[in-house]
Amino acid sequence: MDRVAMGGSVVEKPSGRGFVLTAWLVVYSIGALAVGVMLVVHAIQELDNGRTLPIPVALLILGLLGEAIGLTGLWLWQRWGLSLLLISVVVGLVGSVAGEVSGLVTAGRVVWVGLFVFALMPRWELFRA
């Protein structure tokens, strides 16, 4: 670990991503990919049957696309990845609520992102602006 001066005090700077942050990024990426594939399959079925894509499904797909880009940014140590991830989660949550998704699923997503922010904060200084 490196020592970094912050606000007059010296703190230990983490030397790398760490197990928890890496595991979170991998699990979230796999989950977002799985849900995205399911939504795209659903969207293709809707469009093949001559129906239009419901707004909640379109919002969920848009949110997942943003999450995938945000996760890529975070994997590459870019701070903008967190902003994009949070915006995308909000867009996905709007789609979830509009599509009458269970409140438990919606709350689970909020908790999941909250845990990520908790795991990220000790390594925030490693990310590039």
N, C-alpha and C. Protein backbone atom coordinates (compact mmCIF):
# COMPACT_ATOMS: atom_id res chain seq x y z
N MET A 1 0.84 -1.19 0.00
CA MET A 1 0.00 0.00 0.00
C MET A 1 0.88 1.24 0.00
N ASP A 2 0.42 2.23 -0.73
CA ASP A 2 1.11 3.51 -0.78
C ASP A 2 0.52 4.44 0.26
N ARG A 3 1.35 5.37 0.71
CA ARG A 3 0.88 6.36 1.67
C ARG A 3 0.57 7.64 0.92
N VAL A 4 -0.60 8.22 1.18
CA VAL A 4 -1.05 9.42 0.49
C VAL A 4 -1.48 10.45 1.54
N ALA A 5 -1.04 11.70 1.35
CA ALA A 5 -1.45 12.77 2.26
C ALA A 5 -2.80 13.30 1.83
N MET A 6 -3.76 13.29 2.75
CA MET A 6 -5.10 13.80 2.46
C MET A 6 -5.55 14.66 3.63
N GLY A 7 -5.75 15.95 3.38
CA GLY A 7 -6.27 16.84 4.40
C GLY A 7 -5.39 16.93 5.63
N GLY A 8 -4.08 16.92 5.45
CA GLY A 8 -3.18 17.05 6.58
C GLY A 8 -2.85 15.74 7.26
N SER A 9 -3.52 14.65 6.90
CA SER A 9 -3.21 13.37 7.50
C SER A 9 -2.74 12.41 6.42
N VAL A 10 -2.02 11.40 6.83
CA VAL A 10 -1.52 10.41 5.89
C VAL A 10 -2.39 9.17 6.01
N VAL A 11 -2.91 8.71 4.86
CA VAL A 11 -3.75 7.52 4.84
C VAL A 11 -3.13 6.49 3.92
N GLU A 12 -3.48 5.25 4.14
CA GLU A 12 -3.00 4.17 3.29
C GLU A 12 -3.82 4.12 2.02
N LYS A 13 -3.16 4.15 0.87
CA LYS A 13 -3.84 4.06 -0.41
C LYS A 13 -3.84 2.60 -0.85
N PRO A 14 -5.01 2.04 -1.17
CA PRO A 14 -5.06 0.65 -1.60
C PRO A 14 -4.18 0.42 -2.83
N SER A 15 -3.55 -0.74 -2.90
CA SER A 15 -2.61 -1.01 -3.98
C SER A 15 -3.29 -1.51 -5.25
N GLY A 16 -4.53 -1.94 -5.18
CA GLY A 16 -5.20 -2.44 -6.37
C GLY A 16 -6.70 -2.46 -6.20
N ARG A 17 -7.36 -3.11 -7.11
CA ARG A 17 -8.83 -3.14 -7.11
C ARG A 17 -9.35 -3.91 -5.90
N GLY A 18 -8.70 -4.97 -5.51
CA GLY A 18 -9.15 -5.76 -4.36
C GLY A 18 -10.18 -6.80 -4.76
N PHE A 19 -10.35 -7.81 -3.92
CA PHE A 19 -11.24 -8.92 -4.24
C PHE A 19 -12.70 -8.50 -4.29
N VAL A 20 -13.16 -7.73 -3.31
CA VAL A 20 -14.58 -7.38 -3.23
C VAL A 20 -15.01 -6.54 -4.43
N LEU A 21 -14.23 -5.53 -4.77
CA LEU A 21 -14.58 -4.67 -5.89
C LEU A 21 -14.53 -5.45 -7.21
N THR A 22 -13.51 -6.27 -7.38
CA THR A 22 -13.40 -7.09 -8.59
C THR A 22 -14.57 -8.06 -8.69
N ALA A 23 -14.89 -8.73 -7.59
CA ALA A 23 -16.02 -9.67 -7.59
C ALA A 23 -17.32 -8.96 -7.91
N TRP A 24 -17.50 -7.77 -7.33
CA TRP A 24 -18.74 -7.03 -7.59
C TRP A 24 -18.84 -6.68 -9.07
N LEU A 25 -17.76 -6.18 -9.65
CA LEU A 25 -17.78 -5.81 -11.06
C LEU A 25 -18.07 -7.02 -11.95
N VAL A 26 -17.47 -8.16 -11.64
CA VAL A 26 -17.69 -9.37 -12.44
C VAL A 26 -19.13 -9.86 -12.30
N VAL A 27 -19.63 -9.96 -11.08
CA VAL A 27 -20.99 -10.47 -10.86
C VAL A 27 -22.02 -9.51 -11.47
N TYR A 28 -21.84 -8.21 -11.26
CA TYR A 28 -22.78 -7.24 -11.82
C TYR A 28 -22.75 -7.31 -13.35
N SER A 29 -21.57 -7.42 -13.94
CA SER A 29 -21.46 -7.49 -15.40
C SER A 29 -22.16 -8.73 -15.95
N ILE A 30 -21.98 -9.86 -15.30
CA ILE A 30 -22.64 -11.09 -15.74
C ILE A 30 -24.15 -10.96 -15.59
N GLY A 31 -24.59 -10.41 -14.46
CA GLY A 31 -26.03 -10.22 -14.23
C GLY A 31 -26.65 -9.27 -15.25
N ALA A 32 -25.98 -8.15 -15.51
CA ALA A 32 -26.50 -7.19 -16.49
C ALA A 32 -26.57 -7.82 -17.88
N LEU A 33 -25.57 -8.61 -18.22
CA LEU A 33 -25.57 -9.29 -19.52
C LEU A 33 -26.72 -10.28 -19.62
N ALA A 34 -26.94 -11.07 -18.57
CA ALA A 34 -28.02 -12.06 -18.58
C ALA A 34 -29.39 -11.39 -18.70
N VAL A 35 -29.61 -10.36 -17.90
CA VAL A 35 -30.90 -9.66 -17.96
C VAL A 35 -31.06 -8.97 -19.31
N GLY A 36 -29.98 -8.39 -19.82
CA GLY A 36 -30.04 -7.74 -21.12
C GLY A 36 -30.41 -8.70 -22.24
N VAL A 37 -29.82 -9.89 -22.22
CA VAL A 37 -30.15 -10.90 -23.24
C VAL A 37 -31.62 -11.28 -23.14
N MET A 38 -32.12 -11.48 -21.92
CA MET A 38 -33.53 -11.83 -21.76
C MET A 38 -34.44 -10.72 -22.27
N LEU A 39 -34.10 -9.46 -21.99
CA LEU A 39 -34.92 -8.35 -22.46
C LEU A 39 -34.87 -8.21 -23.98
N VAL A 40 -33.72 -8.41 -24.57
CA VAL A 40 -33.62 -8.31 -26.03
C VAL A 40 -34.42 -9.43 -26.69
N VAL A 41 -34.37 -10.64 -26.13
CA VAL A 41 -35.17 -11.75 -26.67
C VAL A 41 -36.66 -11.41 -26.57
N HIS A 42 -37.08 -10.86 -25.43
CA HIS A 42 -38.47 -10.44 -25.26
C HIS A 42 -38.84 -9.36 -26.27
N ALA A 43 -37.95 -8.38 -26.46
CA ALA A 43 -38.22 -7.30 -27.40
C ALA A 43 -38.34 -7.82 -28.82
N ILE A 44 -37.48 -8.76 -29.20
CA ILE A 44 -37.54 -9.33 -30.55
C ILE A 44 -38.86 -10.08 -30.75
N GLN A 45 -39.30 -10.83 -29.74
CA GLN A 45 -40.58 -11.53 -29.84
C GLN A 45 -41.73 -10.56 -30.00
N GLU A 46 -41.71 -9.47 -29.24
CA GLU A 46 -42.76 -8.46 -29.34
C GLU A 46 -42.79 -7.85 -30.74
N LEU A 47 -41.62 -7.50 -31.25
CA LEU A 47 -41.55 -6.86 -32.56
C LEU A 47 -41.91 -7.84 -33.69
N ASP A 48 -41.53 -9.11 -33.54
CA ASP A 48 -41.88 -10.12 -34.55
C ASP A 48 -43.38 -10.36 -34.62
N ASN A 49 -44.06 -10.18 -33.50
CA ASN A 49 -45.50 -10.38 -33.46
C ASN A 49 -46.27 -9.14 -33.90
N GLY A 50 -45.56 -8.13 -34.40
CA GLY A 50 -46.21 -6.93 -34.90
C GLY A 50 -46.59 -5.93 -33.83
N ARG A 51 -46.17 -6.16 -32.60
CA ARG A 51 -46.48 -5.22 -31.52
C ARG A 51 -45.34 -4.23 -31.35
N THR A 52 -45.65 -3.09 -30.77
CA THR A 52 -44.60 -2.13 -30.47
C THR A 52 -43.97 -2.49 -29.13
N LEU A 53 -42.78 -2.00 -28.93
CA LEU A 53 -42.05 -2.27 -27.70
C LEU A 53 -42.60 -1.39 -26.58
N PRO A 54 -43.05 -1.98 -25.48
CA PRO A 54 -43.57 -1.17 -24.38
C PRO A 54 -42.49 -0.22 -23.84
N ILE A 55 -42.90 0.95 -23.41
CA ILE A 55 -41.96 1.95 -22.88
C ILE A 55 -41.15 1.39 -21.70
N PRO A 56 -41.76 0.67 -20.74
CA PRO A 56 -40.95 0.15 -19.63
C PRO A 56 -39.83 -0.79 -20.12
N VAL A 57 -40.12 -1.62 -21.11
CA VAL A 57 -39.08 -2.53 -21.62
C VAL A 57 -37.99 -1.72 -22.32
N ALA A 58 -38.38 -0.71 -23.09
CA ALA A 58 -37.38 0.14 -23.75
C ALA A 58 -36.50 0.85 -22.73
N LEU A 59 -37.10 1.34 -21.63
CA LEU A 59 -36.32 1.99 -20.57
C LEU A 59 -35.37 1.00 -19.90
N LEU A 60 -35.84 -0.21 -19.66
CA LEU A 60 -34.98 -1.22 -19.05
C LEU A 60 -33.79 -1.55 -19.95
N ILE A 61 -34.05 -1.69 -21.25
CA ILE A 61 -32.96 -1.98 -22.19
C ILE A 61 -31.97 -0.81 -22.25
N LEU A 62 -32.49 0.41 -22.31
CA LEU A 62 -31.64 1.59 -22.32
C LEU A 62 -30.81 1.67 -21.03
N GLY A 63 -31.46 1.41 -19.89
CA GLY A 63 -30.74 1.42 -18.61
C GLY A 63 -29.65 0.37 -18.56
N LEU A 64 -29.93 -0.84 -19.06
CA LEU A 64 -28.91 -1.89 -19.05
C LEU A 64 -27.75 -1.59 -19.98
N LEU A 65 -28.03 -0.96 -21.11
CA LEU A 65 -26.96 -0.56 -22.01
C LEU A 65 -26.05 0.46 -21.32
N GLY A 66 -26.66 1.43 -20.65
CA GLY A 66 -25.88 2.41 -19.90
C GLY A 66 -25.09 1.77 -18.77
N GLU A 67 -25.69 0.79 -18.09
CA GLU A 67 -24.98 0.09 -17.02
C GLU A 67 -23.76 -0.64 -17.57
N ALA A 68 -23.92 -1.28 -18.72
CA ALA A 68 -22.80 -2.00 -19.33
C ALA A 68 -21.65 -1.05 -19.67
N ILE A 69 -21.99 0.12 -20.20
CA ILE A 69 -20.95 1.10 -20.52
C ILE A 69 -20.32 1.64 -19.24
N GLY A 70 -21.15 1.92 -18.22
CA GLY A 70 -20.64 2.39 -16.94
C GLY A 70 -19.73 1.37 -16.26
N LEU A 71 -20.11 0.10 -16.30
CA LEU A 71 -19.28 -0.94 -15.71
C LEU A 71 -17.94 -1.06 -16.44
N THR A 72 -17.98 -0.89 -17.76
CA THR A 72 -16.74 -0.90 -18.53
C THR A 72 -15.84 0.25 -18.09
N GLY A 73 -16.43 1.43 -17.91
CA GLY A 73 -15.66 2.57 -17.44
C GLY A 73 -15.06 2.32 -16.07
N LEU A 74 -15.83 1.73 -15.18
CA LEU A 74 -15.30 1.43 -13.84
C LEU A 74 -14.19 0.39 -13.90
N TRP A 75 -14.35 -0.60 -14.77
CA TRP A 75 -13.30 -1.63 -14.92
C TRP A 75 -12.00 -0.99 -15.41
N LEU A 76 -12.13 0.07 -16.23
CA LEU A 76 -10.96 0.77 -16.77
C LEU A 76 -10.53 1.94 -15.88
N TRP A 77 -11.00 1.98 -14.64
CA TRP A 77 -10.62 2.96 -13.62
C TRP A 77 -11.03 4.39 -13.98
N GLN A 78 -12.22 4.55 -14.58
CA GLN A 78 -12.72 5.87 -14.95
C GLN A 78 -13.86 6.27 -14.01
N ARG A 79 -13.77 7.46 -13.42
CA ARG A 79 -14.81 7.91 -12.49
C ARG A 79 -16.16 8.14 -13.16
N TRP A 80 -16.17 8.51 -14.43
CA TRP A 80 -17.43 8.75 -15.13
C TRP A 80 -18.27 7.47 -15.17
N GLY A 81 -17.62 6.33 -15.03
CA GLY A 81 -18.35 5.06 -15.04
C GLY A 81 -19.37 5.00 -13.91
N LEU A 82 -19.02 5.52 -12.73
CA LEU A 82 -19.95 5.50 -11.60
C LEU A 82 -21.13 6.42 -11.88
N SER A 83 -20.89 7.60 -12.42
CA SER A 83 -21.99 8.52 -12.74
C SER A 83 -22.94 7.88 -13.75
N LEU A 84 -22.38 7.30 -14.81
CA LEU A 84 -23.21 6.67 -15.83
C LEU A 84 -23.95 5.47 -15.25
N LEU A 85 -23.29 4.71 -14.40
CA LEU A 85 -23.94 3.56 -13.77
C LEU A 85 -25.14 4.00 -12.93
N LEU A 86 -24.96 5.03 -12.13
CA LEU A 86 -26.06 5.50 -11.27
C LEU A 86 -27.22 6.06 -12.10
N ILE A 87 -26.92 6.84 -13.14
CA ILE A 87 -27.98 7.36 -14.01
C ILE A 87 -28.73 6.22 -14.68
N SER A 88 -27.98 5.23 -15.15
CA SER A 88 -28.59 4.08 -15.84
C SER A 88 -29.46 3.26 -14.91
N VAL A 89 -29.03 3.10 -13.67
CA VAL A 89 -29.84 2.37 -12.69
C VAL A 89 -31.15 3.11 -12.45
N VAL A 90 -31.09 4.44 -12.37
CA VAL A 90 -32.32 5.23 -12.18
C VAL A 90 -33.25 5.04 -13.37
N VAL A 91 -32.71 5.09 -14.60
CA VAL A 91 -33.53 4.87 -15.79
C VAL A 91 -34.15 3.47 -15.75
N GLY A 92 -33.35 2.47 -15.39
CA GLY A 92 -33.88 1.11 -15.27
C GLY A 92 -34.93 0.98 -14.19
N LEU A 93 -34.75 1.69 -13.08
CA LEU A 93 -35.74 1.65 -12.00
C LEU A 93 -37.05 2.29 -12.43
N VAL A 94 -36.97 3.37 -13.20
CA VAL A 94 -38.20 3.99 -13.73
C VAL A 94 -38.92 2.99 -14.62
N GLY A 95 -38.16 2.30 -15.48
CA GLY A 95 -38.76 1.27 -16.32
C GLY A 95 -39.35 0.14 -15.51
N SER A 96 -38.67 -0.25 -14.44
CA SER A 96 -39.17 -1.33 -13.58
C SER A 96 -40.48 -0.94 -12.91
N VAL A 97 -40.52 0.26 -12.36
CA VAL A 97 -41.72 0.71 -11.67
C VAL A 97 -42.87 0.87 -12.67
N ALA A 98 -42.59 1.43 -13.84
CA ALA A 98 -43.63 1.62 -14.86
C ALA A 98 -44.12 0.28 -15.40
N GLY A 99 -43.25 -0.72 -15.38
CA GLY A 99 -43.62 -2.03 -15.88
C GLY A 99 -44.16 -2.94 -14.80
N GLU A 100 -44.42 -2.38 -13.64
CA GLU A 100 -45.00 -3.12 -12.52
C GLU A 100 -44.13 -4.28 -12.07
N VAL A 101 -42.82 -4.04 -12.02
CA VAL A 101 -41.90 -5.04 -11.48
C VAL A 101 -42.03 -5.03 -9.97
N SER A 102 -41.84 -6.15 -9.36
CA SER A 102 -41.97 -6.30 -7.91
C SER A 102 -41.12 -5.27 -7.16
N GLY A 103 -41.67 -4.75 -6.08
CA GLY A 103 -40.94 -3.80 -5.24
C GLY A 103 -39.70 -4.41 -4.64
N LEU A 104 -39.71 -5.72 -4.41
CA LEU A 104 -38.54 -6.41 -3.86
C LEU A 104 -37.38 -6.37 -4.86
N VAL A 105 -37.67 -6.55 -6.14
CA VAL A 105 -36.63 -6.49 -7.17
C VAL A 105 -36.08 -5.07 -7.24
N THR A 106 -36.95 -4.08 -7.20
CA THR A 106 -36.53 -2.69 -7.26
C THR A 106 -35.66 -2.35 -6.05
N ALA A 107 -36.08 -2.74 -4.86
CA ALA A 107 -35.30 -2.48 -3.66
C ALA A 107 -33.96 -3.23 -3.71
N GLY A 108 -33.97 -4.43 -4.25
CA GLY A 108 -32.74 -5.21 -4.37
C GLY A 108 -31.71 -4.51 -5.23
N ARG A 109 -32.17 -3.89 -6.31
CA ARG A 109 -31.23 -3.16 -7.18
C ARG A 109 -30.62 -1.96 -6.45
N VAL A 110 -31.43 -1.26 -5.68
CA VAL A 110 -30.92 -0.11 -4.92
C VAL A 110 -29.89 -0.58 -3.89
N VAL A 111 -30.18 -1.67 -3.19
CA VAL A 111 -29.24 -2.21 -2.20
C VAL A 111 -27.95 -2.67 -2.89
N TRP A 112 -28.09 -3.33 -4.03
CA TRP A 112 -26.93 -3.83 -4.77
C TRP A 112 -25.99 -2.68 -5.15
N VAL A 113 -26.54 -1.58 -5.66
CA VAL A 113 -25.71 -0.43 -6.04
C VAL A 113 -25.13 0.23 -4.78
N GLY A 114 -25.92 0.29 -3.71
CA GLY A 114 -25.41 0.85 -2.46
C GLY A 114 -24.22 0.07 -1.92
N LEU A 115 -24.29 -1.24 -2.01
CA LEU A 115 -23.15 -2.08 -1.58
C LEU A 115 -21.94 -1.82 -2.45
N PHE A 116 -22.16 -1.61 -3.73
CA PHE A 116 -21.05 -1.32 -4.63
C PHE A 116 -20.36 -0.02 -4.23
N VAL A 117 -21.14 1.02 -3.98
CA VAL A 117 -20.54 2.29 -3.59
C VAL A 117 -19.74 2.11 -2.31
N PHE A 118 -20.22 1.31 -1.37
CA PHE A 118 -19.50 1.02 -0.14
C PHE A 118 -18.17 0.32 -0.45
N ALA A 119 -18.17 -0.62 -1.39
CA ALA A 119 -16.95 -1.34 -1.76
C ALA A 119 -16.00 -0.44 -2.55
N LEU A 120 -16.54 0.52 -3.27
CA LEU A 120 -15.74 1.38 -4.14
C LEU A 120 -15.02 2.49 -3.37
N MET A 121 -15.62 3.05 -2.36
CA MET A 121 -15.10 4.24 -1.71
C MET A 121 -13.65 4.13 -1.23
N PRO A 122 -13.20 3.00 -0.65
CA PRO A 122 -11.79 2.96 -0.24
C PRO A 122 -10.80 3.07 -1.41
N ARG A 123 -11.26 2.82 -2.62
CA ARG A 123 -10.38 2.85 -3.79
C ARG A 123 -10.70 4.00 -4.74
N TRP A 124 -11.51 4.94 -4.30
CA TRP A 124 -11.96 6.03 -5.16
C TRP A 124 -10.79 6.82 -5.73
N GLU A 125 -9.73 7.01 -4.96
CA GLU A 125 -8.58 7.80 -5.40
C GLU A 125 -7.81 7.13 -6.54
N LEU A 126 -8.02 5.83 -6.73
CA LEU A 126 -7.34 5.13 -7.82
C LEU A 126 -7.99 5.40 -9.18
N PHE A 127 -9.23 5.89 -9.17
CA PHE A 127 -9.96 6.12 -10.41
C PHE A 127 -9.58 7.47 -11.01
N ARG A 128 -9.50 7.51 -12.34
CA ARG A 128 -9.16 8.74 -13.06
C ARG A 128 -10.44 9.53 -13.33
N ALA A 129 -10.33 10.85 -13.23
CA ALA A 129 -11.49 11.71 -13.47
C ALA A 129 -11.88 11.74 -14.92
